[in-house]
């Protein structure tokens, strides 16, 4: 059995989270939850920088907020992928607070 060290629980990774929610009230609730954890980059897409613990907490919150007919997808973005994020049209690169590991 693998045991997470404190370093693994606090190490952060960027995630792209996309959702498809039919009910307006639930969609608004999911949007509110996600905006507390990251930055909206498209109508139903957020980019979040999360530790393993934050990711687990966020998944739990979203699971409670969604209905069985809804969908939320999580895409991990590695450092190589992060440096190559590109777009066409409106918008700008998401800005996140820089952090340093001492």
Foldseek 3Di string as FASTA:
>chain_A
DDDDDPCQQAQKFKKKKFKDADDPVLQVVLVVLVVVAAADFDPGITIGIHGPVRVVVSVVSNVVSGDPVMDMDIDTADPVRLVVDDDDDDDDRGDDDDDDDD
